[in-house]
Amino acid sequence: MKLKEYLVEKEAVTSEIMAYSSREGTGDSAKGKLVCTPFRVVYINGKDVTDISLRGVNSIEYSEKGYPMEYFGWGILFAFLSAFFIAAGAIGPISEGILFAIGILSLVGGIGLLIYGAILQRSQLKIHTPNKTYSFYATEEGLAEIGHTVRGYEMKS
């Protein structure tokens, strides 16, 4: 669905940005348009539309672009497991080849997680309503502007 088809005739768009609805989204197919109007926040991704009334917004959380720490933690854990398996293979009675292979796979997995985390560096905007929390992620600047616009309209009301 196109934004112009969804919005009410002559409804002004005051802020807009391309964003993801999940942190793990990558590529253009996972990206949608997040816009703010004087009455609502609308997220359109393909045929899916999320429409949030500004009257229903309780609070907003914004986080600057940063590394997702869960990927860092898992990457470091896999690196430590890698060292453990390689060391155990050198001194243990179990076949050295099996433990060495597990160690190398753990190392590759840990490095892969660290790299994937670096790719997923995004800013985050959470919009809390009484029924649900909506999360949006963006790689480009401008996501904070949606939050500022929502609060600006709230102050005018």
Protein backbone atom coordinates (compact mmCIF):
# COMPACT_ATOMS: atom_id res chain seq x y z
CA MET A 1 0.00 0.00 0.00
CA LYS A 2 1.22 3.46 -0.78
CA LEU A 3 1.24 6.19 1.85
CA LYS A 4 -0.91 8.58 -0.22
CA GLU A 5 -3.56 5.88 -0.58
CA TYR A 6 -3.73 5.33 3.17
CA LEU A 7 -3.69 8.87 4.53
CA VAL A 8 -6.80 11.00 4.63
CA GLU A 9 -7.02 13.54 1.81
CA LYS A 10 -4.83 16.58 2.55
CA GLU A 11 -3.44 15.04 5.77
CA ALA A 12 -0.03 16.65 6.27
CA VAL A 13 3.06 14.52 6.80
CA THR A 14 5.38 16.42 9.12
CA SER A 15 8.14 13.83 9.61
CA GLU A 16 9.07 10.70 7.72
CA ILE A 17 11.87 8.17 7.65
CA MET A 18 12.54 4.71 6.28
CA ALA A 19 12.60 2.28 9.23
CA TYR A 20 12.42 -1.37 10.24
CA SER A 21 9.85 -2.87 12.59
CA SER A 22 12.42 -5.30 14.02
CA ARG A 23 16.10 -4.99 14.89
CA GLU A 24 16.98 -8.03 12.76
CA GLY A 25 15.36 -6.70 9.59
CA THR A 26 17.75 -6.23 6.70
CA GLY A 27 17.25 -5.29 3.08
CA ASP A 28 14.65 -3.16 1.38
CA SER A 29 11.83 -5.70 1.75
CA ALA A 30 11.97 -5.45 5.55
CA LYS A 31 12.09 -1.65 5.47
CA GLY A 32 8.97 0.48 5.57
CA LYS A 33 8.02 4.14 5.75
CA LEU A 34 7.40 5.64 9.21
CA VAL A 35 5.57 8.97 9.14
CA CYS A 36 4.08 11.36 11.65
CA THR A 37 1.01 13.49 10.96
CA PRO A 38 -0.74 15.89 13.33
CA PHE A 39 -3.04 13.04 14.44
CA ARG A 40 -1.12 9.77 14.19
CA VAL A 41 2.04 7.81 13.51
CA VAL A 42 1.77 5.49 10.51
CA TYR A 43 4.16 2.70 9.51
CA ILE A 44 3.67 1.15 6.06
CA ASN A 45 5.63 -1.87 4.90
CA GLY A 46 4.25 -3.44 1.73
CA LYS A 47 0.60 -4.29 2.40
CA ASP A 48 0.95 -4.02 6.19
CA VAL A 49 -0.03 -0.80 7.96
CA THR A 50 0.41 0.16 11.60
CA ASP A 51 -1.61 3.20 12.64
CA ILE A 52 -1.01 4.71 16.10
CA SER A 53 -3.25 7.52 17.29
CA LEU A 54 -1.31 10.31 19.01
CA ARG A 55 -4.05 10.48 21.64
CA GLY A 56 -3.18 6.94 22.72
CA VAL A 57 0.57 7.47 23.15
CA ASN A 58 1.60 7.18 26.82
CA SER A 59 5.36 7.50 26.45
CA ILE A 60 8.20 7.35 23.99
CA GLU A 61 11.71 5.91 24.36
CA TYR A 62 14.52 6.77 21.98
CA SER A 63 17.96 5.14 21.90
CA GLU A 64 20.86 6.44 19.84
CA LYS A 65 22.43 4.24 17.20
CA GLY A 66 24.53 1.62 18.94
CA TYR A 67 25.82 -1.90 18.94
CA PRO A 68 23.20 -4.48 20.09
CA MET A 69 24.84 -5.83 23.23
CA GLU A 70 23.15 -9.25 23.07
CA TYR A 71 25.22 -10.01 19.96
CA PHE A 72 28.37 -8.85 21.72
CA GLY A 73 27.68 -11.11 24.71
CA TRP A 74 26.97 -14.16 22.58
CA GLY A 75 30.00 -13.47 20.36
CA ILE A 76 32.33 -13.27 23.38
CA LEU A 77 30.78 -16.43 24.88
CA PHE A 78 31.44 -18.33 21.67
CA ALA A 79 35.03 -17.06 21.63
CA PHE A 80 35.58 -18.33 25.19
CA LEU A 81 34.00 -21.67 24.29
CA SER A 82 36.33 -21.85 21.33
CA ALA A 83 39.38 -21.37 23.56
CA PHE A 84 38.05 -23.98 26.01
CA PHE A 85 37.47 -26.63 23.32
CA ILE A 86 40.84 -26.06 21.68
CA ALA A 87 42.63 -26.25 25.07
CA ALA A 88 40.64 -29.34 26.09
CA GLY A 89 41.55 -31.00 22.81
CA ALA A 90 45.23 -30.42 23.53
CA ILE A 91 45.16 -32.02 27.00
CA GLY A 92 42.07 -34.27 27.11
CA PRO A 93 41.56 -37.94 26.37
CA ILE A 94 38.82 -37.24 23.79
CA SER A 95 39.93 -37.15 20.20
CA GLU A 96 41.84 -33.94 19.60
CA GLY A 97 40.36 -33.53 16.13
CA ILE A 98 36.75 -33.42 17.33
CA LEU A 99 37.40 -30.82 20.05
CA PHE A 100 39.58 -28.77 17.73
CA ALA A 101 36.80 -28.77 15.10
CA ILE A 102 34.21 -27.74 17.71
CA GLY A 103 36.60 -24.99 18.86
CA ILE A 104 37.07 -23.67 15.33
CA LEU A 105 33.29 -23.75 14.68
CA SER A 106 32.72 -21.85 17.94
CA LEU A 107 35.32 -19.27 16.95
CA VAL A 108 33.78 -18.78 13.50
CA GLY A 109 30.30 -18.56 15.05
CA GLY A 110 31.47 -15.99 17.61
CA ILE A 111 33.17 -13.83 14.99
CA GLY A 112 30.08 -14.14 12.79
CA LEU A 113 27.83 -12.94 15.63
CA LEU A 114 30.12 -9.97 16.33
CA ILE A 115 30.08 -8.97 12.66
CA TYR A 116 26.30 -9.42 12.39
CA GLY A 117 25.88 -7.23 15.48
CA ALA A 118 27.96 -4.53 13.80
CA ILE A 119 25.68 -4.69 10.76
CA LEU A 120 22.61 -4.30 13.00
CA GLN A 121 23.68 -1.02 14.62
CA ARG A 122 20.51 1.06 14.63
CA SER A 123 18.74 3.75 16.56
CA GLN A 124 15.50 2.69 18.21
CA LEU A 125 12.18 4.40 18.91
CA LYS A 126 9.61 2.74 21.18
CA ILE A 127 6.10 4.13 21.28
CA HIS A 128 4.10 2.94 24.29
CA THR A 129 0.30 2.86 24.22
CA PRO A 130 -2.02 1.34 26.85
CA ASN A 131 -2.34 -1.89 24.84
CA LYS A 132 0.98 -2.34 23.07
CA THR A 133 4.53 -1.13 22.61
CA TYR A 134 5.63 -0.43 19.05
CA SER A 135 9.35 -0.54 18.21
CA PHE A 136 10.97 1.00 15.15
CA TYR A 137 14.62 0.87 14.10
CA ALA A 138 16.58 2.99 11.63
CA THR A 139 20.11 3.05 10.29
CA GLU A 140 19.87 6.64 9.10
CA GLU A 141 19.44 9.81 11.13
CA GLY A 142 15.94 11.15 11.69
CA LEU A 143 14.21 8.59 13.89
CA ALA A 144 14.42 10.94 16.88
CA GLU A 145 12.56 13.54 14.83
CA ILE A 146 9.46 11.31 14.83
CA GLY A 147 9.53 11.27 18.64
CA HIS A 148 10.06 15.05 18.82
CA THR A 149 7.16 15.60 16.43
CA VAL A 150 4.83 13.39 18.49
CA ARG A 151 5.72 15.27 21.67
CA GLY A 152 5.37 18.61 19.89
CA TYR A 153 1.81 17.77 18.87
CA GLU A 154 1.07 16.59 22.40
CA MET A 155 2.20 19.94 23.81
CA LYS A 156 -0.08 21.81 21.37
CA SER A 157 -3.15 19.84 22.53
